[in-house]
Amino acid sequence: MAFVFEPESRTFTYLVDFLDGERALGHGLQNGPDGKIYDMTSSTIYRLNPTDVSVPIEPVIASANGFDISGPILENDIYYAKGHRLMTARIFN
């Protein structure tokens, strides 16, 4: 689940479920060079727009059980592990 938390009122002002109830992998959200925020579940690399939370989470790459460990965004690629293999996916042109 992604959310917006307002510290002054100590309330969650916006909540959105991940794609099909999937869980995020453990290394947290990352800022992309395009100003959007990226993360992954076990099956989807997704992005969200931090300036407009009314826009739904957008899948970037889907691969059934394709991602085990999320890694960094370096230049045009996001790195991840699948089993014992280090992998990369081009997410920016």
PDB file of N, CA and C in Angstrom:
ATOM      1  N   MET A   1       0.834  -1.167   0.000  1.00  0.00           N
ATOM      2  CA  MET A   1       0.000   0.000   0.000  1.00  0.00           C
ATOM      3  C   MET A   1       0.888   1.242   0.000  1.00  0.00           C
ATOM      4  N   ALA A   2       0.538   2.187  -0.814  1.00  0.00           N
ATOM      5  CA  ALA A   2       1.209   3.484  -0.838  1.00  0.00           C
ATOM      6  C   ALA A   2       0.289   4.488  -0.154  1.00  0.00           C
ATOM      7  N   PHE A   3       0.886   5.517   0.451  1.00  0.00           N
ATOM      8  CA  PHE A   3       0.070   6.470   1.183  1.00  0.00           C
ATOM      9  C   PHE A   3       0.725   7.839   1.235  1.00  0.00           C
ATOM     10  N   VAL A   4      -0.088   8.827   1.575  1.00  0.00           N
ATOM     11  CA  VAL A   4       0.393  10.169   1.864  1.00  0.00           C
ATOM     12  C   VAL A   4       0.084  10.421   3.325  1.00  0.00           C
ATOM     13  N   PHE A   5       1.088  10.834   4.089  1.00  0.00           N
ATOM     14  CA  PHE A   5       0.922  11.102   5.517  1.00  0.00           C
ATOM     15  C   PHE A   5       1.135  12.583   5.775  1.00  0.00           C
ATOM     16  N   GLU A   6       0.181  13.211   6.442  1.00  0.00           N
ATOM     17  CA  GLU A   6       0.283  14.621   6.818  1.00  0.00           C
ATOM     18  C   GLU A   6       0.735  14.707   8.270  1.00  0.00           C
ATOM     19  N   PRO A   7       2.004  15.119   8.504  1.00  0.00           N
ATOM     20  CA  PRO A   7       2.524  15.110   9.875  1.00  0.00           C
ATOM     21  C   PRO A   7       1.829  16.096  10.817  1.00  0.00           C
ATOM     22  N   GLU A   8       1.364  17.219  10.300  1.00  0.00           N
ATOM     23  CA  GLU A   8       0.711  18.194  11.182  1.00  0.00           C
ATOM     24  C   GLU A   8      -0.572  17.639  11.787  1.00  0.00           C
ATOM     25  N   SER A   9      -1.387  16.994  10.960  1.00  0.00           N
ATOM     26  CA  SER A   9      -2.648  16.434  11.462  1.00  0.00           C
ATOM     27  C   SER A   9      -2.493  14.984  11.920  1.00  0.00           C
ATOM     28  N   ARG A  10      -1.319  14.413  11.625  1.00  0.00           N
ATOM     29  CA  ARG A  10      -1.028  13.013  11.968  1.00  0.00           C
ATOM     30  C   ARG A  10      -2.072  12.065  11.389  1.00  0.00           C
ATOM     31  N   THR A  11      -2.390  12.297  10.103  1.00  0.00           N
ATOM     32  CA  THR A  11      -3.382  11.457   9.436  1.00  0.00           C
ATOM     33  C   THR A  11      -2.859  11.008   8.072  1.00  0.00           C
ATOM     34  N   PHE A  12      -3.396   9.896   7.627  1.00  0.00           N
ATOM     35  CA  PHE A  12      -3.155   9.424   6.273  1.00  0.00           C
ATOM     36  C   PHE A  12      -4.222  10.060   5.395  1.00  0.00           C
ATOM     37  N   THR A  13      -3.809  10.844   4.417  1.00  0.00           N
ATOM     38  CA  THR A  13      -4.782  11.566   3.600  1.00  0.00           C
ATOM     39  C   THR A  13      -5.075  10.868   2.284  1.00  0.00           C
ATOM     40  N   TYR A  14      -4.251   9.920   1.901  1.00  0.00           N
ATOM     41  CA  TYR A  14      -4.484   9.212   0.645  1.00  0.00           C
ATOM     42  C   TYR A  14      -3.883   7.823   0.756  1.00  0.00           C
ATOM     43  N   LEU A  15      -4.662   6.817   0.447  1.00  0.00           N
ATOM     44  CA  LEU A  15      -4.193   5.432   0.471  1.00  0.00           C
ATOM     45  C   LEU A  15      -4.507   4.791  -0.862  1.00  0.00           C
ATOM     46  N   VAL A  16      -3.570   4.011  -1.377  1.00  0.00           N
ATOM     47  CA  VAL A  16      -3.821   3.281  -2.621  1.00  0.00           C
ATOM     48  C   VAL A  16      -3.182   1.904  -2.509  1.00  0.00           C
ATOM     49  N   ASP A  17      -3.920   0.878  -2.919  1.00  0.00           N
ATOM     50  CA  ASP A  17      -3.390  -0.485  -2.899  1.00  0.00           C
ATOM     51  C   ASP A  17      -2.418  -0.684  -4.044  1.00  0.00           C
ATOM     52  N   PHE A  18      -1.460  -1.574  -3.841  1.00  0.00           N
ATOM     53  CA  PHE A  18      -0.567  -1.947  -4.921  1.00  0.00           C
ATOM     54  C   PHE A  18      -1.339  -2.729  -5.962  1.00  0.00           C
ATOM     55  N   LEU A  19      -0.715  -2.963  -7.067  1.00  0.00           N
ATOM     56  CA  LEU A  19      -1.333  -3.671  -8.177  1.00  0.00           C
ATOM     57  C   LEU A  19      -1.760  -5.066  -7.752  1.00  0.00           C
ATOM     58  N   ASP A  20      -3.030  -5.354  -7.893  1.00  0.00           N
ATOM     59  CA  ASP A  20      -3.588  -6.670  -7.571  1.00  0.00           C
ATOM     60  C   ASP A  20      -3.190  -7.163  -6.185  1.00  0.00           C
ATOM     61  N   GLY A  21      -3.042  -6.265  -5.219  1.00  0.00           N
ATOM     62  CA  GLY A  21      -2.735  -6.664  -3.856  1.00  0.00           C
ATOM     63  C   GLY A  21      -1.326  -7.177  -3.637  1.00  0.00           C
ATOM     64  N   GLU A  22      -0.427  -6.973  -4.580  1.00  0.00           N
ATOM     65  CA  GLU A  22       0.951  -7.427  -4.418  1.00  0.00           C
ATOM     66  C   GLU A  22       1.643  -6.643  -3.310  1.00  0.00           C
ATOM     67  N   ARG A  23       2.742  -7.169  -2.812  1.00  0.00           N
ATOM     68  CA  ARG A  23       3.509  -6.457  -1.789  1.00  0.00           C
ATOM     69  C   ARG A  23       4.769  -5.885  -2.407  1.00  0.00           C
ATOM     70  N   ALA A  24       5.194  -4.757  -1.895  1.00  0.00           N
ATOM     71  CA  ALA A  24       6.431  -4.140  -2.368  1.00  0.00           C
ATOM     72  C   ALA A  24       7.624  -4.947  -1.875  1.00  0.00           C
ATOM     73  N   LEU A  25       8.692  -4.947  -2.652  1.00  0.00           N
ATOM     74  CA  LEU A  25       9.936  -5.580  -2.208  1.00  0.00           C
ATOM     75  C   LEU A  25      10.622  -4.652  -1.210  1.00  0.00           C
ATOM     76  N   GLY A  26      11.583  -5.154  -0.472  1.00  0.00           N
ATOM     77  CA  GLY A  26      12.073  -4.500   0.722  1.00  0.00           C
ATOM     78  C   GLY A  26      13.023  -3.328   0.657  1.00  0.00           C
ATOM     79  N   HIS A  27      13.361  -2.762  -0.478  1.00  0.00           N
ATOM     80  CA  HIS A  27      14.370  -1.702  -0.476  1.00  0.00           C
ATOM     81  C   HIS A  27      13.815  -0.298  -0.664  1.00  0.00           C
ATOM     82  N   GLY A  28      12.513  -0.153  -0.637  1.00  0.00           N
ATOM     83  CA  GLY A  28      11.917   1.173  -0.618  1.00  0.00           C
ATOM     84  C   GLY A  28      11.796   1.860  -1.958  1.00  0.00           C
ATOM     85  N   LEU A  29      11.156   2.999  -1.906  1.00  0.00           N
ATOM     86  CA  LEU A  29      10.886   3.792  -3.099  1.00  0.00           C
ATOM     87  C   LEU A  29      12.136   4.525  -3.553  1.00  0.00           C
ATOM     88  N   GLN A  30      12.239   4.755  -4.856  1.00  0.00           N
ATOM     89  CA  GLN A  30      13.395   5.464  -5.420  1.00  0.00           C
ATOM     90  C   GLN A  30      12.922   6.593  -6.318  1.00  0.00           C
ATOM     91  N   ASN A  31      13.613   7.703  -6.262  1.00  0.00           N
ATOM     92  CA  ASN A  31      13.325   8.815  -7.161  1.00  0.00           C
ATOM     93  C   ASN A  31      13.950   8.540  -8.517  1.00  0.00           C
ATOM     94  N   GLY A  32      13.150   8.679  -9.564  1.00  0.00           N
ATOM     95  CA  GLY A  32      13.656   8.530 -10.919  1.00  0.00           C
ATOM     96  C   GLY A  32      14.070   9.882 -11.475  1.00  0.00           C
ATOM     97  N   PRO A  33      14.891   9.892 -12.525  1.00  0.00           N
ATOM     98  CA  PRO A  33      15.338  11.150 -13.116  1.00  0.00           C
ATOM     99  C   PRO A  33      14.212  11.947 -13.767  1.00  0.00           C
ATOM    100  N   ASP A  34      13.053  11.315 -13.945  1.00  0.00           N
ATOM    101  CA  ASP A  34      11.897  11.995 -14.528  1.00  0.00           C
ATOM    102  C   ASP A  34      10.993  12.633 -13.474  1.00  0.00           C
ATOM    103  N   GLY A  35      11.403  12.562 -12.195  1.00  0.00           N
ATOM    104  CA  GLY A  35      10.617  13.161 -11.121  1.00  0.00           C
ATOM    105  C   GLY A  35       9.564  12.239 -10.544  1.00  0.00           C
ATOM    106  N   LYS A  36       9.421  11.039 -11.089  1.00  0.00           N
ATOM    107  CA  LYS A  36       8.457  10.082 -10.560  1.00  0.00           C
ATOM    108  C   LYS A  36       9.150   9.153  -9.568  1.00  0.00           C
ATOM    109  N   ILE A  37       8.358   8.420  -8.806  1.00  0.00           N
ATOM    110  CA  ILE A  37       8.875   7.510  -7.796  1.00  0.00           C
ATOM    111  C   ILE A  37       8.674   6.085  -8.294  1.00  0.00           C
ATOM    112  N   TYR A  38       9.710   5.257  -8.156  1.00  0.00           N
ATOM    113  CA  TYR A  38       9.709   3.889  -8.674  1.00  0.00           C
ATOM    114  C   TYR A  38       9.900   2.889  -7.549  1.00  0.00           C
ATOM    115  N   ASP A  39       9.297   1.730  -7.725  1.00  0.00           N
ATOM    116  CA  ASP A  39       9.495   0.607  -6.810  1.00  0.00           C
ATOM    117  C   ASP A  39       9.082  -0.651  -7.551  1.00  0.00           C
ATOM    118  N   MET A  40       9.156  -1.783  -6.902  1.00  0.00           N
ATOM    119  CA  MET A  40       8.734  -3.019  -7.550  1.00  0.00           C
ATOM    120  C   MET A  40       8.118  -3.973  -6.552  1.00  0.00           C
ATOM    121  N   THR A  41       7.234  -4.795  -7.082  1.00  0.00           N
ATOM    122  CA  THR A  41       6.686  -5.930  -6.364  1.00  0.00           C
ATOM    123  C   THR A  41       7.358  -7.166  -6.959  1.00  0.00           C
ATOM    124  N   SER A  42       6.951  -8.334  -6.545  1.00  0.00           N
ATOM    125  CA  SER A  42       7.556  -9.541  -7.105  1.00  0.00           C
ATOM    126  C   SER A  42       7.226  -9.722  -8.585  1.00  0.00           C
ATOM    127  N   SER A  43       6.207  -9.020  -9.088  1.00  0.00           N
ATOM    128  CA  SER A  43       5.795  -9.196 -10.479  1.00  0.00           C
ATOM    129  C   SER A  43       5.775  -7.924 -11.318  1.00  0.00           C
ATOM    130  N   THR A  44       5.972  -6.743 -10.713  1.00  0.00           N
ATOM    131  CA  THR A  44       5.802  -5.507 -11.456  1.00  0.00           C
ATOM    132  C   THR A  44       6.774  -4.422 -11.002  1.00  0.00           C
ATOM    133  N   ILE A  45       7.422  -3.764 -11.961  1.00  0.00           N
ATOM    134  CA  ILE A  45       8.108  -2.504 -11.693  1.00  0.00           C
ATOM    135  C   ILE A  45       7.061  -1.426 -11.970  1.00  0.00           C
ATOM    136  N   TYR A  46       6.847  -0.541 -11.012  1.00  0.00           N
ATOM    137  CA  TYR A  46       5.808   0.460 -11.176  1.00  0.00           C
ATOM    138  C   TYR A  46       6.336   1.848 -10.821  1.00  0.00           C
ATOM    139  N   ARG A  47       5.573   2.865 -11.221  1.00  0.00           N
ATOM    140  CA  ARG A  47       5.921   4.239 -10.868  1.00  0.00           C
ATOM    141  C   ARG A  47       4.666   4.962 -10.408  1.00  0.00           C
ATOM    142  N   LEU A  48       4.894   6.002  -9.620  1.00  0.00           N
ATOM    143  CA  LEU A  48       3.798   6.863  -9.217  1.00  0.00           C
ATOM    144  C   LEU A  48       4.246   8.309  -9.280  1.00  0.00           C
ATOM    145  N   ASN A  49       3.288   9.179  -9.439  1.00  0.00           N
ATOM    146  CA  ASN A  49       3.548  10.601  -9.590  1.00  0.00           C
ATOM    147  C   ASN A  49       3.397  11.277  -8.225  1.00  0.00           C
ATOM    148  N   PRO A  50       4.486  11.768  -7.627  1.00  0.00           N
ATOM    149  CA  PRO A  50       4.389  12.345  -6.284  1.00  0.00           C
ATOM    150  C   PRO A  50       3.661  13.686  -6.247  1.00  0.00           C
ATOM    151  N   THR A  51       3.477  14.333  -7.389  1.00  0.00           N
ATOM    152  CA  THR A  51       2.799  15.627  -7.394  1.00  0.00           C
ATOM    153  C   THR A  51       1.297  15.498  -7.647  1.00  0.00           C
ATOM    154  N   ASP A  52       0.840  14.311  -8.028  1.00  0.00           N
ATOM    155  CA  ASP A  52      -0.584  14.102  -8.269  1.00  0.00           C
ATOM    156  C   ASP A  52      -0.949  12.686  -7.853  1.00  0.00           C
ATOM    157  N   VAL A  53      -1.284  12.520  -6.577  1.00  0.00           N
ATOM    158  CA  VAL A  53      -1.558  11.177  -6.067  1.00  0.00           C
ATOM    159  C   VAL A  53      -2.892  10.626  -6.556  1.00  0.00           C
ATOM    160  N   SER A  54      -3.696  11.448  -7.249  1.00  0.00           N
ATOM    161  CA  SER A  54      -4.940  10.924  -7.799  1.00  0.00           C
ATOM    162  C   SER A  54      -4.681  10.046  -9.023  1.00  0.00           C
ATOM    163  N   VAL A  55      -3.496  10.165  -9.622  1.00  0.00           N
ATOM    164  CA  VAL A  55      -3.111   9.315 -10.751  1.00  0.00           C
ATOM    165  C   VAL A  55      -2.765   7.937 -10.197  1.00  0.00           C
ATOM    166  N   PRO A  56      -3.355   6.878 -10.731  1.00  0.00           N
ATOM    167  CA  PRO A  56      -3.080   5.547 -10.184  1.00  0.00           C
ATOM    168  C   PRO A  56      -1.630   5.110 -10.394  1.00  0.00           C
ATOM    169  N   ILE A  57      -1.237   4.117  -9.617  1.00  0.00           N
ATOM    170  CA  ILE A  57       0.074   3.499  -9.797  1.00  0.00           C
ATOM    171  C   ILE A  57       0.136   2.956 -11.220  1.00  0.00           C
ATOM    172  N   GLU A  58       1.248   3.240 -11.901  1.00  0.00           N
ATOM    173  CA  GLU A  58       1.385   2.865 -13.308  1.00  0.00           C
ATOM    174  C   GLU A  58       2.405   1.738 -13.469  1.00  0.00           C
ATOM    175  N   PRO A  59       1.980   0.583 -13.988  1.00  0.00           N
ATOM    176  CA  PRO A  59       2.943  -0.485 -14.254  1.00  0.00           C
ATOM    177  C   PRO A  59       3.908  -0.061 -15.359  1.00  0.00           C
ATOM    178  N   VAL A  60       5.190  -0.357 -15.180  1.00  0.00           N
ATOM    179  CA  VAL A  60       6.205  -0.055 -16.193  1.00  0.00           C
ATOM    180  C   VAL A  60       6.611  -1.348 -16.893  1.00  0.00           C
ATOM    181  N   ILE A  61       6.923  -2.367 -16.112  1.00  0.00           N
ATOM    182  CA  ILE A  61       7.276  -3.687 -16.640  1.00  0.00           C
ATOM    183  C   ILE A  61       6.600  -4.731 -15.761  1.00  0.00           C
ATOM    184  N   ALA A  62       5.919  -5.685 -16.386  1.00  0.00           N
ATOM    185  CA  ALA A  62       5.297  -6.786 -15.655  1.00  0.00           C
ATOM    186  C   ALA A  62       5.948  -8.095 -16.068  1.00  0.00           C
ATOM    187  N   SER A  63       6.239  -8.936 -15.085  1.00  0.00           N
ATOM    188  CA  SER A  63       6.831 -10.243 -15.332  1.00  0.00           C
ATOM    189  C   SER A  63       6.450 -11.140 -14.155  1.00  0.00           C
ATOM    190  N   ALA A  64       5.613 -12.121 -14.394  1.00  0.00           N
ATOM    191  CA  ALA A  64       5.118 -12.978 -13.318  1.00  0.00           C
ATOM    192  C   ALA A  64       6.282 -13.545 -12.504  1.00  0.00           C
ATOM    193  N   ASN A  65       6.322 -13.221 -11.236  1.00  0.00           N
ATOM    194  CA  ASN A  65       7.381 -13.661 -10.315  1.00  0.00           C
ATOM    195  C   ASN A  65       8.768 -13.348 -10.858  1.00  0.00           C
ATOM    196  N   GLY A  66       8.916 -12.198 -11.504  1.00  0.00           N
ATOM    197  CA  GLY A  66      10.170 -11.861 -12.168  1.00  0.00           C
ATOM    198  C   GLY A  66      11.191 -11.139 -11.308  1.00  0.00           C
ATOM    199  N   PHE A  67      10.799 -10.653 -10.126  1.00  0.00           N
ATOM    200  CA  PHE A  67      11.693  -9.815  -9.329  1.00  0.00           C
ATOM    201  C   PHE A  67      11.746 -10.319  -7.886  1.00  0.00           C
ATOM    202  N   ASP A  68      12.960 -10.574  -7.395  1.00  0.00           N
ATOM    203  CA  ASP A  68      13.121 -11.026  -6.011  1.00  0.00           C
ATOM    204  C   ASP A  68      13.653  -9.912  -5.101  1.00  0.00           C
ATOM    205  N   ILE A  69      14.621  -9.159  -5.586  1.00  0.00           N
ATOM    206  CA  ILE A  69      15.255  -8.101  -4.784  1.00  0.00           C
ATOM    207  C   ILE A  69      15.375  -6.865  -5.658  1.00  0.00           C
ATOM    208  N   SER A  70      14.878  -5.732  -5.148  1.00  0.00           N
ATOM    209  CA  SER A  70      14.996  -4.495  -5.920  1.00  0.00           C
ATOM    210  C   SER A  70      16.372  -3.879  -5.715  1.00  0.00           C
ATOM    211  N   GLY A  71      16.832  -3.188  -6.733  1.00  0.00           N
ATOM    212  CA  GLY A  71      18.133  -2.528  -6.684  1.00  0.00           C
ATOM    213  C   GLY A  71      18.008  -1.076  -7.091  1.00  0.00           C
ATOM    214  N   PRO A  72      19.127  -0.422  -7.341  1.00  0.00           N
ATOM    215  CA  PRO A  72      19.120   1.015  -7.623  1.00  0.00           C
ATOM    216  C   PRO A  72      18.738   1.338  -9.065  1.00  0.00           C
ATOM    217  N   ILE A  73      18.340   2.588  -9.266  1.00  0.00           N
ATOM    218  CA  ILE A  73      18.193   3.147 -10.599  1.00  0.00           C
ATOM    219  C   ILE A  73      19.510   3.833 -10.921  1.00  0.00           C
ATOM    220  N   LEU A  74      20.155   3.415 -12.011  1.00  0.00           N
ATOM    221  CA  LEU A  74      21.405   4.026 -12.463  1.00  0.00           C
ATOM    222  C   LEU A  74      21.231   4.419 -13.921  1.00  0.00           C
ATOM    223  N   GLU A  75      21.287   5.717 -14.169  1.00  0.00           N
ATOM    224  CA  GLU A  75      21.079   6.280 -15.501  1.00  0.00           C
ATOM    225  C   GLU A  75      19.724   5.841 -16.052  1.00  0.00           C
ATOM    226  N   ASN A  76      19.683   5.043 -17.108  1.00  0.00           N
ATOM    227  CA  ASN A  76      18.421   4.663 -17.749  1.00  0.00           C
ATOM    228  C   ASN A  76      17.873   3.315 -17.308  1.00  0.00           C
ATOM    229  N   ASP A  77      18.533   2.661 -16.365  1.00  0.00           N
ATOM    230  CA  ASP A  77      18.192   1.295 -16.000  1.00  0.00           C
ATOM    231  C   ASP A  77      17.862   1.162 -14.527  1.00  0.00           C
ATOM    232  N   ILE A  78      17.038   0.167 -14.223  1.00  0.00           N
ATOM    233  CA  ILE A  78      16.815  -0.234 -12.841  1.00  0.00           C
ATOM    234  C   ILE A  78      17.391  -1.640 -12.687  1.00  0.00           C
ATOM    235  N   TYR A  79      18.079  -1.859 -11.601  1.00  0.00           N
ATOM    236  CA  TYR A  79      18.720  -3.148 -11.334  1.00  0.00           C
ATOM    237  C   TYR A  79      17.869  -3.930 -10.338  1.00  0.00           C
ATOM    238  N   TYR A  80      17.917  -5.256 -10.461  1.00  0.00           N
ATOM    239  CA  TYR A  80      17.188  -6.133  -9.556  1.00  0.00           C
ATOM    240  C   TYR A  80      17.823  -7.513  -9.595  1.00  0.00           C
ATOM    241  N   ALA A  81      17.432  -8.345  -8.662  1.00  0.00           N
ATOM    242  CA  ALA A  81      17.910  -9.726  -8.651  1.00  0.00           C
ATOM    243  C   ALA A  81      16.724 -10.658  -8.832  1.00  0.00           C
ATOM    244  N   LYS A  82      16.968 -11.712  -9.566  1.00  0.00           N
ATOM    245  CA  LYS A  82      16.043 -12.822  -9.699  1.00  0.00           C
ATOM    246  C   LYS A  82      16.821 -14.067  -9.358  1.00  0.00           C
ATOM    247  N   GLY A  83      16.509 -14.632  -8.197  1.00  0.00           N
ATOM    248  CA  GLY A  83      17.311 -15.755  -7.715  1.00  0.00           C
ATOM    249  C   GLY A  83      18.741 -15.292  -7.491  1.00  0.00           C
ATOM    250  N   HIS A  84      19.711 -15.974  -8.071  1.00  0.00           N
ATOM    251  CA  HIS A  84      21.123 -15.631  -7.904  1.00  0.00           C
ATOM    252  C   HIS A  84      21.645 -14.690  -8.992  1.00  0.00           C
ATOM    253  N   ARG A  85      20.773 -14.282  -9.920  1.00  0.00           N
ATOM    254  CA  ARG A  85      21.208 -13.467 -11.064  1.00  0.00           C
ATOM    255  C   ARG A  85      20.935 -11.981 -10.844  1.00  0.00           C
ATOM    256  N   LEU A  86      21.928 -11.160 -11.136  1.00  0.00           N
ATOM    257  CA  LEU A  86      21.749  -9.710 -11.164  1.00  0.00           C
ATOM    258  C   LEU A  86      21.229  -9.345 -12.543  1.00  0.00           C
ATOM    259  N   MET A  87      20.129  -8.595 -12.577  1.00  0.00           N
ATOM    260  CA  MET A  87      19.471  -8.270 -13.836  1.00  0.00           C
ATOM    261  C   MET A  87      19.315  -6.750 -13.947  1.00  0.00           C
ATOM    262  N   THR A  88      19.035  -6.285 -15.148  1.00  0.00           N
ATOM    263  CA  THR A  88      18.756  -4.873 -15.364  1.00  0.00           C
ATOM    264  C   THR A  88      17.621  -4.746 -16.372  1.00  0.00           C
ATOM    265  N   ALA A  89      16.857  -3.671 -16.237  1.00  0.00           N
ATOM    266  CA  ALA A  89      15.785  -3.385 -17.179  1.00  0.00           C
ATOM    267  C   ALA A  89      15.865  -1.907 -17.557  1.00  0.00           C
ATOM    268  N   ARG A  90      15.771  -1.615 -18.832  1.00  0.00           N
ATOM    269  CA  ARG A  90      15.780  -0.235 -19.328  1.00  0.00           C
ATOM    270  C   ARG A  90      14.404   0.360 -19.074  1.00  0.00           C
ATOM    271  N   ILE A  91      14.319   1.405 -18.254  1.00  0.00           N
ATOM    272  CA  ILE A  91      13.018   2.021 -17.977  1.00  0.00           C
ATOM    273  C   ILE A  91      12.946   3.474 -18.455  1.00  0.00           C
ATOM    274  N   PHE A  92      14.083   4.005 -18.932  1.00  0.00           N
ATOM    275  CA  PHE A  92      14.108   5.360 -19.495  1.00  0.00           C
ATOM    276  C   PHE A  92      14.789   5.299 -20.853  1.00  0.00           C
ATOM    277  N   ASN A  93      14.374   6.153 -21.767  1.00  0.00           N
ATOM    278  CA  ASN A  93      14.999   6.188 -23.086  1.00  0.00           C
ATOM    279  C   ASN A  93      16.222   7.074 -23.082  1.00  0.00           C
TER     280      ASN A  93
END
